Amino acid sequence: MKPYEWMIKYTPQTEWVDRRGILFWLAFFFIELGAGVFLVSSVFGVLQGEIIGWLICAVLGGGLHLLYLGHPFRFYRMVLRPQTSWISRGLIFVVGFLILGAMHMALSALTTVPIALLVITDILAFLTIIYGGFAMSCINGIPLWNTALLPVLYVVAGLWGGAELTVSIILTSGAFTEFVSSVEGIARVLLVVFAFIVAVYLIGARYSSTTGKVSVREIVVGRWKLLFWIGVVLIGVMLPLGVVVSSFIATSEGIPISLLWLSISAGLLGDLVLRYLILKNGLYGPLIPASQIV
């Protein structure tokens, strides 16, 4: 792209999704997914889920985030401006969650955990899930991101993925099976809410501005339509919804475990693809409207 084209064309942001930006996309996903798994698991006392969620957040999410940074050993400077930066606040939330989460898991294995510690840890886990949406929504130059619905979408996606993965952890471990139906019920509700918010989010962005309209058009009917309709709608939403519907008409033997695993994998994939599309289609509007170009 020529320098002057940035003035007259819709320009995609590339910092958070192209080249090294791929690490940023994956880091946000795993940080929020891990915190979601920990939060849901801690509510039901599933210690294995807490451990796995903590590791996903710290190792996968945190590790990828450090790799994304140009100078990873200077990351501590990111916490210096919490009064103005959501990135600073987010790092504080993540570090606080990881420290208190480690304390909570250690105490859970040895003795009774104070309820105050659990509450504070879960609050920090929730803030870890939602901060990425706030960090993006405060960017005024990208209308697709600059909406209050984005943090809501991300927190629902993080909790939904956390509930889904918690179900898989319970099924794999063979313990805490009495909680499967409860966690699965939460995941079903969050799936429906997720599908609804995605639709409302895209419709709202479509009518927010001309640039927002272009972004949504690229996702729904433009260059990325196959990835959206197949990856997000068909695999990420319709397939898990089909499993939900089949659960109401299933025999007394219930849903086959293989089908449940397929639903969980499809939901996580759909969430990951949607996040990619939102990052990839974050467009800056032209500084000079087309009508003013001679």
C-alpha atoms as a PDB file:
ATOM      1  CA  MET A   1       0.000   0.000   0.000  1.00  0.00           C
ATOM      2  CA  LYS A   2       1.281   3.436  -0.970  1.00  0.00           C
ATOM      3  CA  PRO A   3       1.467   5.993   1.847  1.00  0.00           C
ATOM      4  CA  TYR A   4      -1.161   8.237   0.259  1.00  0.00           C
ATOM      5  CA  GLU A   5      -3.635   5.339  -0.059  1.00  0.00           C
ATOM      6  CA  TRP A   6      -4.074   5.320   3.721  1.00  0.00           C
ATOM      7  CA  MET A   7      -5.780   8.688   3.296  1.00  0.00           C
ATOM      8  CA  ILE A   8      -8.364   7.568   0.771  1.00  0.00           C
ATOM      9  CA  LYS A   9      -8.996   3.854   1.329  1.00  0.00           C
ATOM     10  CA  TYR A  10     -10.328   1.650   4.111  1.00  0.00           C
ATOM     11  CA  THR A  11      -7.161   0.436   5.824  1.00  0.00           C
ATOM     12  CA  PRO A  12      -7.053  -2.774   7.889  1.00  0.00           C
ATOM     13  CA  GLN A  13      -5.090  -2.803  11.101  1.00  0.00           C
ATOM     14  CA  THR A  14      -2.284  -5.361  10.952  1.00  0.00           C
ATOM     15  CA  GLU A  15      -0.487  -5.005  14.274  1.00  0.00           C
ATOM     16  CA  TRP A  16      -2.730  -7.454  16.134  1.00  0.00           C
ATOM     17  CA  VAL A  17      -3.373 -10.104  13.504  1.00  0.00           C
ATOM     18  CA  ASP A  18      -0.712 -10.255  10.760  1.00  0.00           C
ATOM     19  CA  ARG A  19       2.758 -11.805  11.043  1.00  0.00           C
ATOM     20  CA  ARG A  20       3.699 -11.647  14.753  1.00  0.00           C
ATOM     21  CA  GLY A  21       0.199 -10.366  15.404  1.00  0.00           C
ATOM     22  CA  ILE A  22      -1.001 -13.973  15.044  1.00  0.00           C
ATOM     23  CA  LEU A  23       0.582 -14.550  18.459  1.00  0.00           C
ATOM     24  CA  PHE A  24      -1.520 -11.715  19.877  1.00  0.00           C
ATOM     25  CA  TRP A  25      -4.730 -13.258  18.499  1.00  0.00           C
ATOM     26  CA  LEU A  26      -3.906 -16.652  20.019  1.00  0.00           C
ATOM     27  CA  ALA A  27      -2.688 -15.134  23.293  1.00  0.00           C
ATOM     28  CA  PHE A  28      -5.971 -13.288  23.887  1.00  0.00           C
ATOM     29  CA  PHE A  29      -7.946 -16.441  23.095  1.00  0.00           C
ATOM     30  CA  PHE A  30      -6.024 -18.699  25.473  1.00  0.00           C
ATOM     31  CA  ILE A  31      -5.846 -16.138  28.284  1.00  0.00           C
ATOM     32  CA  GLU A  32      -9.618 -15.698  28.253  1.00  0.00           C
ATOM     33  CA  LEU A  33     -10.321 -19.398  27.724  1.00  0.00           C
ATOM     34  CA  GLY A  34      -8.052 -20.394  30.611  1.00  0.00           C
ATOM     35  CA  ALA A  35      -9.608 -17.845  32.947  1.00  0.00           C
ATOM     36  CA  GLY A  36     -13.066 -19.046  31.877  1.00  0.00           C
ATOM     37  CA  VAL A  37     -12.191 -22.670  32.624  1.00  0.00           C
ATOM     38  CA  PHE A  38     -10.816 -21.718  36.033  1.00  0.00           C
ATOM     39  CA  LEU A  39     -13.868 -19.609  36.884  1.00  0.00           C
ATOM     40  CA  VAL A  40     -16.415 -22.262  35.935  1.00  0.00           C
ATOM     41  CA  SER A  41     -14.410 -25.082  37.534  1.00  0.00           C
ATOM     42  CA  SER A  42     -13.943 -23.175  40.791  1.00  0.00           C
ATOM     43  CA  VAL A  43     -17.688 -22.622  41.109  1.00  0.00           C
ATOM     44  CA  PHE A  44     -18.227 -26.396  41.042  1.00  0.00           C
ATOM     45  CA  GLY A  45     -15.066 -27.285  42.943  1.00  0.00           C
ATOM     46  CA  VAL A  46     -13.437 -29.138  40.049  1.00  0.00           C
ATOM     47  CA  LEU A  47      -9.764 -28.831  41.025  1.00  0.00           C
ATOM     48  CA  GLN A  48      -8.501 -30.522  37.850  1.00  0.00           C
ATOM     49  CA  GLY A  49     -10.337 -27.898  35.810  1.00  0.00           C
ATOM     50  CA  GLU A  50      -8.851 -25.088  37.867  1.00  0.00           C
ATOM     51  CA  ILE A  51      -5.338 -26.423  37.297  1.00  0.00           C
ATOM     52  CA  ILE A  52      -5.833 -26.864  33.548  1.00  0.00           C
ATOM     53  CA  GLY A  53      -7.474 -23.442  33.196  1.00  0.00           C
ATOM     54  CA  TRP A  54      -4.649 -21.798  35.139  1.00  0.00           C
ATOM     55  CA  LEU A  55      -2.034 -23.512  32.944  1.00  0.00           C
ATOM     56  CA  ILE A  56      -3.840 -22.522  29.729  1.00  0.00           C
ATOM     57  CA  CYS A  57      -3.919 -18.899  30.859  1.00  0.00           C
ATOM     58  CA  ALA A  58      -0.359 -18.768  32.214  1.00  0.00           C
ATOM     59  CA  VAL A  59       1.571 -21.010  29.819  1.00  0.00           C
ATOM     60  CA  LEU A  60      -0.287 -20.756  26.512  1.00  0.00           C
ATOM     61  CA  GLY A  61      -1.824 -17.305  26.878  1.00  0.00           C
ATOM     62  CA  GLY A  62       0.972 -15.658  28.834  1.00  0.00           C
ATOM     63  CA  GLY A  63       3.710 -17.404  26.876  1.00  0.00           C
ATOM     64  CA  LEU A  64       2.309 -16.346  23.507  1.00  0.00           C
ATOM     65  CA  HIS A  65       1.828 -12.815  24.794  1.00  0.00           C
ATOM     66  CA  LEU A  66       5.492 -12.619  25.824  1.00  0.00           C
ATOM     67  CA  LEU A  67       6.568 -13.970  22.439  1.00  0.00           C
ATOM     68  CA  TYR A  68       4.477 -11.284  20.747  1.00  0.00           C
ATOM     69  CA  LEU A  69       6.239  -8.485  22.599  1.00  0.00           C
ATOM     70  CA  GLY A  70       9.307  -7.034  20.941  1.00  0.00           C
ATOM     71  CA  HIS A  71      11.125  -6.839  24.288  1.00  0.00           C
ATOM     72  CA  PRO A  72       9.477  -9.453  26.526  1.00  0.00           C
ATOM     73  CA  PHE A  73      11.712  -8.734  29.512  1.00  0.00           C
ATOM     74  CA  ARG A  74      10.349  -5.194  29.672  1.00  0.00           C
ATOM     75  CA  PHE A  75       6.718  -6.274  29.936  1.00  0.00           C
ATOM     76  CA  TYR A  76       6.564  -5.025  33.524  1.00  0.00           C
ATOM     77  CA  ARG A  77       6.449  -1.465  32.134  1.00  0.00           C
ATOM     78  CA  MET A  78       2.965  -2.224  30.835  1.00  0.00           C
ATOM     79  CA  VAL A  79       1.546  -1.915  34.361  1.00  0.00           C
ATOM     80  CA  LEU A  80       2.732   1.661  34.823  1.00  0.00           C
ATOM     81  CA  ARG A  81      -0.336   3.390  33.330  1.00  0.00           C
ATOM     82  CA  PRO A  82      -3.455   1.685  34.731  1.00  0.00           C
ATOM     83  CA  GLN A  83      -5.213   5.034  34.985  1.00  0.00           C
ATOM     84  CA  THR A  84      -5.256   5.429  31.191  1.00  0.00           C
ATOM     85  CA  SER A  85      -4.502   2.048  29.597  1.00  0.00           C
ATOM     86  CA  TRP A  86      -6.634  -1.081  29.444  1.00  0.00           C
ATOM     87  CA  ILE A  87      -3.491  -3.032  28.554  1.00  0.00           C
ATOM     88  CA  SER A  88      -2.000  -2.000  31.908  1.00  0.00           C
ATOM     89  CA  ARG A  89      -5.193  -2.892  33.748  1.00  0.00           C
ATOM     90  CA  GLY A  90      -5.385  -6.178  31.922  1.00  0.00           C
ATOM     91  CA  LEU A  91      -1.860  -7.179  32.906  1.00  0.00           C
ATOM     92  CA  ILE A  92      -2.661  -6.363  36.530  1.00  0.00           C
ATOM     93  CA  PHE A  93      -5.810  -8.494  36.330  1.00  0.00           C
ATOM     94  CA  VAL A  94      -3.970 -11.429  34.742  1.00  0.00           C
ATOM     95  CA  VAL A  95      -1.023 -11.370  37.151  1.00  0.00           C
ATOM     96  CA  GLY A  96      -3.327 -10.971  40.151  1.00  0.00           C
ATOM     97  CA  PHE A  97      -5.510 -13.844  38.936  1.00  0.00           C
ATOM     98  CA  LEU A  98      -2.520 -16.133  38.373  1.00  0.00           C
ATOM     99  CA  ILE A  99      -1.015 -15.399  41.810  1.00  0.00           C
ATOM    100  CA  LEU A 100      -4.248 -15.785  43.759  1.00  0.00           C
ATOM    101  CA  GLY A 101      -5.301 -18.709  41.571  1.00  0.00           C
ATOM    102  CA  ALA A 102      -2.077 -20.549  42.445  1.00  0.00           C
ATOM    103  CA  MET A 103      -2.683 -19.848  46.145  1.00  0.00           C
ATOM    104  CA  HIS A 104      -6.268 -21.071  45.862  1.00  0.00           C
ATOM    105  CA  MET A 105      -5.263 -24.324  44.159  1.00  0.00           C
ATOM    106  CA  ALA A 106      -2.489 -24.987  46.664  1.00  0.00           C
ATOM    107  CA  LEU A 107      -4.808 -24.454  49.626  1.00  0.00           C
ATOM    108  CA  SER A 108      -7.534 -26.559  47.974  1.00  0.00           C
ATOM    109  CA  ALA A 109      -5.159 -29.511  47.864  1.00  0.00           C
ATOM    110  CA  LEU A 110      -4.152 -29.107  51.518  1.00  0.00           C
ATOM    111  CA  THR A 111      -6.986 -27.580  53.508  1.00  0.00           C
ATOM    112  CA  THR A 112     -10.193 -25.573  53.355  1.00  0.00           C
ATOM    113  CA  VAL A 113      -9.987 -22.463  51.177  1.00  0.00           C
ATOM    114  CA  PRO A 114     -11.245 -19.178  52.674  1.00  0.00           C
ATOM    115  CA  ILE A 115     -14.337 -18.085  50.760  1.00  0.00           C
ATOM    116  CA  ALA A 116     -12.936 -14.542  50.457  1.00  0.00           C
ATOM    117  CA  LEU A 117      -9.919 -15.845  48.527  1.00  0.00           C
ATOM    118  CA  LEU A 118     -12.173 -17.761  46.145  1.00  0.00           C
ATOM    119  CA  VAL A 119     -14.399 -14.734  45.544  1.00  0.00           C
ATOM    120  CA  ILE A 120     -11.483 -12.371  44.864  1.00  0.00           C
ATOM    121  CA  THR A 121      -9.795 -14.906  42.580  1.00  0.00           C
ATOM    122  CA  ASP A 122     -12.984 -15.440  40.577  1.00  0.00           C
ATOM    123  CA  ILE A 123     -13.507 -11.681  40.262  1.00  0.00           C
ATOM    124  CA  LEU A 124      -9.991 -11.341  38.858  1.00  0.00           C
ATOM    125  CA  ALA A 125     -10.657 -14.299  36.526  1.00  0.00           C
ATOM    126  CA  PHE A 126     -13.783 -12.538  35.258  1.00  0.00           C
ATOM    127  CA  LEU A 127     -11.842  -9.292  34.729  1.00  0.00           C
ATOM    128  CA  THR A 128      -9.169 -11.281  32.880  1.00  0.00           C
ATOM    129  CA  ILE A 129     -11.837 -12.588  30.514  1.00  0.00           C
ATOM    130  CA  ILE A 130     -13.427  -9.222  29.810  1.00  0.00           C
ATOM    131  CA  TYR A 131     -10.443  -6.858  29.665  1.00  0.00           C
ATOM    132  CA  GLY A 132      -9.503  -7.750  26.080  1.00  0.00           C
ATOM    133  CA  GLY A 133     -12.889  -6.565  24.873  1.00  0.00           C
ATOM    134  CA  PHE A 134     -12.438  -3.261  26.702  1.00  0.00           C
ATOM    135  CA  ALA A 135      -8.889  -2.861  25.349  1.00  0.00           C
ATOM    136  CA  MET A 136     -10.256  -3.124  21.808  1.00  0.00           C
ATOM    137  CA  SER A 137     -13.514  -1.219  22.275  1.00  0.00           C
ATOM    138  CA  CYS A 138     -11.690   1.935  23.442  1.00  0.00           C
ATOM    139  CA  ILE A 139      -9.971   2.281  20.039  1.00  0.00           C
ATOM    140  CA  ASN A 140     -12.107   5.003  18.437  1.00  0.00           C
ATOM    141  CA  GLY A 141     -10.496   4.746  15.010  1.00  0.00           C
ATOM    142  CA  ILE A 142     -11.877   1.242  14.326  1.00  0.00           C
ATOM    143  CA  PRO A 143     -15.705   1.272  14.351  1.00  0.00           C
ATOM    144  CA  LEU A 144     -15.984  -2.551  14.313  1.00  0.00           C
ATOM    145  CA  TRP A 145     -14.273  -2.594  17.713  1.00  0.00           C
ATOM    146  CA  ASN A 146     -15.530   0.675  19.133  1.00  0.00           C
ATOM    147  CA  THR A 147     -18.734  -0.674  20.656  1.00  0.00           C
ATOM    148  CA  ALA A 148     -19.840  -1.568  24.169  1.00  0.00           C
ATOM    149  CA  LEU A 149     -21.062  -4.940  22.876  1.00  0.00           C
ATOM    150  CA  LEU A 150     -17.542  -6.209  22.206  1.00  0.00           C
ATOM    151  CA  PRO A 151     -16.627  -6.753  25.910  1.00  0.00           C
ATOM    152  CA  VAL A 152     -19.996  -8.460  26.399  1.00  0.00           C
ATOM    153  CA  LEU A 153     -19.361 -10.722  23.405  1.00  0.00           C
ATOM    154  CA  TYR A 154     -15.897 -11.641  24.662  1.00  0.00           C
ATOM    155  CA  VAL A 155     -17.000 -12.394  28.208  1.00  0.00           C
ATOM    156  CA  VAL A 156     -19.846 -14.623  26.998  1.00  0.00           C
ATOM    157  CA  ALA A 157     -17.456 -16.389  24.610  1.00  0.00           C
ATOM    158  CA  GLY A 158     -14.878 -16.864  27.372  1.00  0.00           C
ATOM    159  CA  LEU A 159     -17.411 -18.274  29.838  1.00  0.00           C
ATOM    160  CA  TRP A 160     -18.985 -20.481  27.158  1.00  0.00           C
ATOM    161  CA  GLY A 161     -15.599 -21.896  26.171  1.00  0.00           C
ATOM    162  CA  GLY A 162     -14.732 -22.318  29.847  1.00  0.00           C
ATOM    163  CA  ALA A 163     -17.938 -24.258  30.517  1.00  0.00           C
ATOM    164  CA  GLU A 164     -17.425 -26.446  27.437  1.00  0.00           C
ATOM    165  CA  LEU A 165     -13.838 -27.285  28.345  1.00  0.00           C
ATOM    166  CA  THR A 166     -14.816 -27.938  31.959  1.00  0.00           C
ATOM    167  CA  VAL A 167     -17.321 -30.530  30.732  1.00  0.00           C
ATOM    168  CA  SER A 168     -14.578 -32.235  28.729  1.00  0.00           C
ATOM    169  CA  ILE A 169     -12.245 -32.210  31.764  1.00  0.00           C
ATOM    170  CA  ILE A 170     -14.915 -33.815  33.941  1.00  0.00           C
ATOM    171  CA  LEU A 171     -15.633 -36.476  31.329  1.00  0.00           C
ATOM    172  CA  THR A 172     -11.941 -37.223  30.860  1.00  0.00           C
ATOM    173  CA  SER A 173     -11.099 -37.430  34.557  1.00  0.00           C
ATOM    174  CA  GLY A 174     -14.162 -39.490  35.458  1.00  0.00           C
ATOM    175  CA  ALA A 175     -14.522 -37.436  38.667  1.00  0.00           C
ATOM    176  CA  PHE A 176     -17.152 -34.862  39.583  1.00  0.00           C
ATOM    177  CA  THR A 177     -19.560 -36.533  37.136  1.00  0.00           C
ATOM    178  CA  GLU A 178     -22.469 -35.285  39.234  1.00  0.00           C
ATOM    179  CA  PHE A 179     -21.706 -31.795  37.923  1.00  0.00           C
ATOM    180  CA  VAL A 180     -21.739 -32.670  34.215  1.00  0.00           C
ATOM    181  CA  SER A 181     -25.417 -31.906  33.654  1.00  0.00           C
ATOM    182  CA  SER A 182     -25.182 -28.604  35.567  1.00  0.00           C
ATOM    183  CA  VAL A 183     -22.092 -27.362  33.696  1.00  0.00           C
ATOM    184  CA  GLU A 184     -23.532 -28.575  30.412  1.00  0.00           C
ATOM    185  CA  GLY A 185     -26.741 -26.669  31.140  1.00  0.00           C
ATOM    186  CA  ILE A 186     -24.741 -23.471  31.693  1.00  0.00           C
ATOM    187  CA  ALA A 187     -22.882 -24.068  28.422  1.00  0.00           C
ATOM    188  CA  ARG A 188     -26.205 -24.468  26.558  1.00  0.00           C
ATOM    189  CA  VAL A 189     -27.520 -21.163  27.856  1.00  0.00           C
ATOM    190  CA  LEU A 190     -24.269 -19.384  27.040  1.00  0.00           C
ATOM    191  CA  LEU A 191     -24.306 -20.851  23.522  1.00  0.00           C
ATOM    192  CA  VAL A 192     -27.721 -19.346  22.810  1.00  0.00           C
ATOM    193  CA  VAL A 193     -26.660 -16.011  24.329  1.00  0.00           C
ATOM    194  CA  PHE A 194     -23.431 -16.103  22.299  1.00  0.00           C
ATOM    195  CA  ALA A 195     -25.295 -16.644  19.011  1.00  0.00           C
ATOM    196  CA  PHE A 196     -27.702 -13.806  19.830  1.00  0.00           C
ATOM    197  CA  ILE A 197     -24.952 -11.350  20.786  1.00  0.00           C
ATOM    198  CA  VAL A 198     -22.924 -12.143  17.654  1.00  0.00           C
ATOM    199  CA  ALA A 199     -25.960 -11.264  15.514  1.00  0.00           C
ATOM    200  CA  VAL A 200     -26.700  -8.074  17.464  1.00  0.00           C
ATOM    201  CA  TYR A 201     -23.025  -7.080  17.437  1.00  0.00           C
ATOM    202  CA  LEU A 202     -22.713  -7.398  13.660  1.00  0.00           C
ATOM    203  CA  ILE A 203     -26.013  -5.611  13.025  1.00  0.00           C
ATOM    204  CA  GLY A 204     -24.993  -2.783  15.362  1.00  0.00           C
ATOM    205  CA  ALA A 205     -21.577  -2.440  13.722  1.00  0.00           C
ATOM    206  CA  ARG A 206     -23.248  -2.514  10.301  1.00  0.00           C
ATOM    207  CA  TYR A 207     -25.285   0.598  11.091  1.00  0.00           C
ATOM    208  CA  SER A 208     -22.723   2.393  13.259  1.00  0.00           C
ATOM    209  CA  SER A 209     -20.816   4.030  10.395  1.00  0.00           C
ATOM    210  CA  THR A 210     -19.771   3.601   6.788  1.00  0.00           C
ATOM    211  CA  THR A 211     -16.518   1.981   7.895  1.00  0.00           C
ATOM    212  CA  GLY A 212     -18.397  -0.395  10.177  1.00  0.00           C
ATOM    213  CA  LYS A 213     -20.649  -1.292   7.256  1.00  0.00           C
ATOM    214  CA  VAL A 214     -17.616  -2.151   5.128  1.00  0.00           C
ATOM    215  CA  SER A 215     -16.124  -4.307   7.912  1.00  0.00           C
ATOM    216  CA  VAL A 216     -19.327  -6.294   8.401  1.00  0.00           C
ATOM    217  CA  ARG A 217     -19.784  -6.656   4.642  1.00  0.00           C
ATOM    218  CA  GLU A 218     -16.289  -8.127   4.321  1.00  0.00           C
ATOM    219  CA  ILE A 219     -17.094 -10.647   7.080  1.00  0.00           C
ATOM    220  CA  VAL A 220     -20.593 -11.663   5.997  1.00  0.00           C
ATOM    221  CA  VAL A 221     -20.673 -11.409   2.184  1.00  0.00           C
ATOM    222  CA  GLY A 222     -17.180 -10.361   1.169  1.00  0.00           C
ATOM    223  CA  ARG A 223     -13.711 -11.837   1.257  1.00  0.00           C
ATOM    224  CA  TRP A 224     -14.206 -13.715   4.538  1.00  0.00           C
ATOM    225  CA  LYS A 225     -17.744 -14.997   4.003  1.00  0.00           C
ATOM    226  CA  LEU A 226     -16.803 -18.691   3.731  1.00  0.00           C
ATOM    227  CA  LEU A 227     -14.773 -18.562   6.940  1.00  0.00           C
ATOM    228  CA  PHE A 228     -17.646 -16.807   8.708  1.00  0.00           C
ATOM    229  CA  TRP A 229     -20.528 -18.960   7.485  1.00  0.00           C
ATOM    230  CA  ILE A 230     -18.675 -22.259   7.701  1.00  0.00           C
ATOM    231  CA  GLY A 231     -16.272 -21.669  10.584  1.00  0.00           C
ATOM    232  CA  VAL A 232     -18.450 -19.526  12.856  1.00  0.00           C
ATOM    233  CA  VAL A 233     -22.090 -20.109  11.919  1.00  0.00           C
ATOM    234  CA  LEU A 234     -22.121 -23.732  10.751  1.00  0.00           C
ATOM    235  CA  ILE A 235     -19.338 -25.286  12.838  1.00  0.00           C
ATOM    236  CA  GLY A 236     -19.174 -22.924  15.800  1.00  0.00           C
ATOM    237  CA  VAL A 237     -22.893 -22.322  16.394  1.00  0.00           C
ATOM    238  CA  MET A 238     -25.197 -24.610  14.404  1.00  0.00           C
ATOM    239  CA  LEU A 239     -23.348 -27.845  15.189  1.00  0.00           C
ATOM    240  CA  PRO A 240     -23.336 -27.281  18.986  1.00  0.00           C
ATOM    241  CA  LEU A 241     -26.968 -26.095  18.763  1.00  0.00           C
ATOM    242  CA  GLY A 242     -27.805 -29.331  16.953  1.00  0.00           C
ATOM    243  CA  VAL A 243     -26.294 -31.288  19.829  1.00  0.00           C
ATOM    244  CA  VAL A 244     -28.306 -29.216  22.297  1.00  0.00           C
ATOM    245  CA  VAL A 245     -31.525 -29.939  20.415  1.00  0.00           C
ATOM    246  CA  SER A 246     -30.684 -33.647  20.152  1.00  0.00           C
ATOM    247  CA  SER A 247     -30.142 -33.764  23.920  1.00  0.00           C
ATOM    248  CA  PHE A 248     -33.823 -32.995  24.443  1.00  0.00           C
ATOM    249  CA  ILE A 249     -34.915 -35.913  22.261  1.00  0.00           C
ATOM    250  CA  ALA A 250     -32.126 -38.319  23.186  1.00  0.00           C
ATOM    251  CA  THR A 251     -32.871 -41.742  24.571  1.00  0.00           C
ATOM    252  CA  SER A 252     -32.340 -42.648  28.195  1.00  0.00           C
ATOM    253  CA  GLU A 253     -28.723 -43.473  27.321  1.00  0.00           C
ATOM    254  CA  GLY A 254     -28.108 -39.806  26.605  1.00  0.00           C
ATOM    255  CA  ILE A 255     -25.911 -38.162  23.983  1.00  0.00           C
ATOM    256  CA  PRO A 256     -22.930 -40.217  22.750  1.00  0.00           C
ATOM    257  CA  ILE A 257     -19.691 -38.980  24.284  1.00  0.00           C
ATOM    258  CA  SER A 258     -18.113 -38.692  20.832  1.00  0.00           C
ATOM    259  CA  LEU A 259     -20.866 -36.281  19.741  1.00  0.00           C
ATOM    260  CA  LEU A 260     -20.390 -34.221  22.879  1.00  0.00           C
ATOM    261  CA  TRP A 261     -16.649 -33.997  22.211  1.00  0.00           C
ATOM    262  CA  LEU A 262     -17.371 -32.918  18.641  1.00  0.00           C
ATOM    263  CA  SER A 263     -19.692 -30.186  19.913  1.00  0.00           C
ATOM    264  CA  ILE A 264     -17.088 -28.891  22.382  1.00  0.00           C
ATOM    265  CA  SER A 265     -14.340 -28.825  19.747  1.00  0.00           C
ATOM    266  CA  ALA A 266     -16.625 -27.111  17.233  1.00  0.00           C
ATOM    267  CA  GLY A 267     -17.612 -24.417  19.723  1.00  0.00           C
ATOM    268  CA  LEU A 268     -14.014 -23.585  20.602  1.00  0.00           C
ATOM    269  CA  LEU A 269     -13.058 -23.487  16.922  1.00  0.00           C
ATOM    270  CA  GLY A 270     -15.965 -21.166  16.107  1.00  0.00           C
ATOM    271  CA  ASP A 271     -14.978 -18.798  18.909  1.00  0.00           C
ATOM    272  CA  LEU A 272     -11.362 -18.736  17.703  1.00  0.00           C
ATOM    273  CA  VAL A 273     -12.399 -18.052  14.093  1.00  0.00           C
ATOM    274  CA  LEU A 274     -14.771 -15.258  15.119  1.00  0.00           C
ATOM    275  CA  ARG A 275     -12.018 -13.519  17.072  1.00  0.00           C
ATOM    276  CA  TYR A 276      -9.762 -13.754  14.032  1.00  0.00           C
ATOM    277  CA  LEU A 277     -12.405 -12.202  11.773  1.00  0.00           C
ATOM    278  CA  ILE A 278     -13.012  -9.360  14.212  1.00  0.00           C
ATOM    279  CA  LEU A 279      -9.291  -8.595  14.367  1.00  0.00           C
ATOM    280  CA  LYS A 280      -8.722  -9.065  10.635  1.00  0.00           C
ATOM    281  CA  ASN A 281     -11.577  -6.790   9.620  1.00  0.00           C
ATOM    282  CA  GLY A 282     -10.843  -3.960  12.003  1.00  0.00           C
ATOM    283  CA  LEU A 283     -10.688  -1.132   9.458  1.00  0.00           C
ATOM    284  CA  TYR A 284      -9.627   2.477   9.751  1.00  0.00           C
ATOM    285  CA  GLY A 285     -11.863   4.788   7.767  1.00  0.00           C
ATOM    286  CA  PRO A 286     -10.345   7.049   5.067  1.00  0.00           C
ATOM    287  CA  LEU A 287      -9.350  10.492   6.263  1.00  0.00           C
ATOM    288  CA  ILE A 288     -10.541  11.989   3.006  1.00  0.00           C
ATOM    289  CA  PRO A 289     -14.073  10.899   2.011  1.00  0.00           C
ATOM    290  CA  ALA A 290     -14.370   9.525  -1.511  1.00  0.00           C
ATOM    291  CA  SER A 291     -16.815  12.299  -2.400  1.00  0.00           C
ATOM    292  CA  GLN A 292     -14.090  14.907  -1.802  1.00  0.00           C
ATOM    293  CA  ILE A 293     -11.458  13.242  -4.003  1.00  0.00           C
ATOM    294  CA  VAL A 294     -11.077  15.060  -7.323  1.00  0.00           C
END
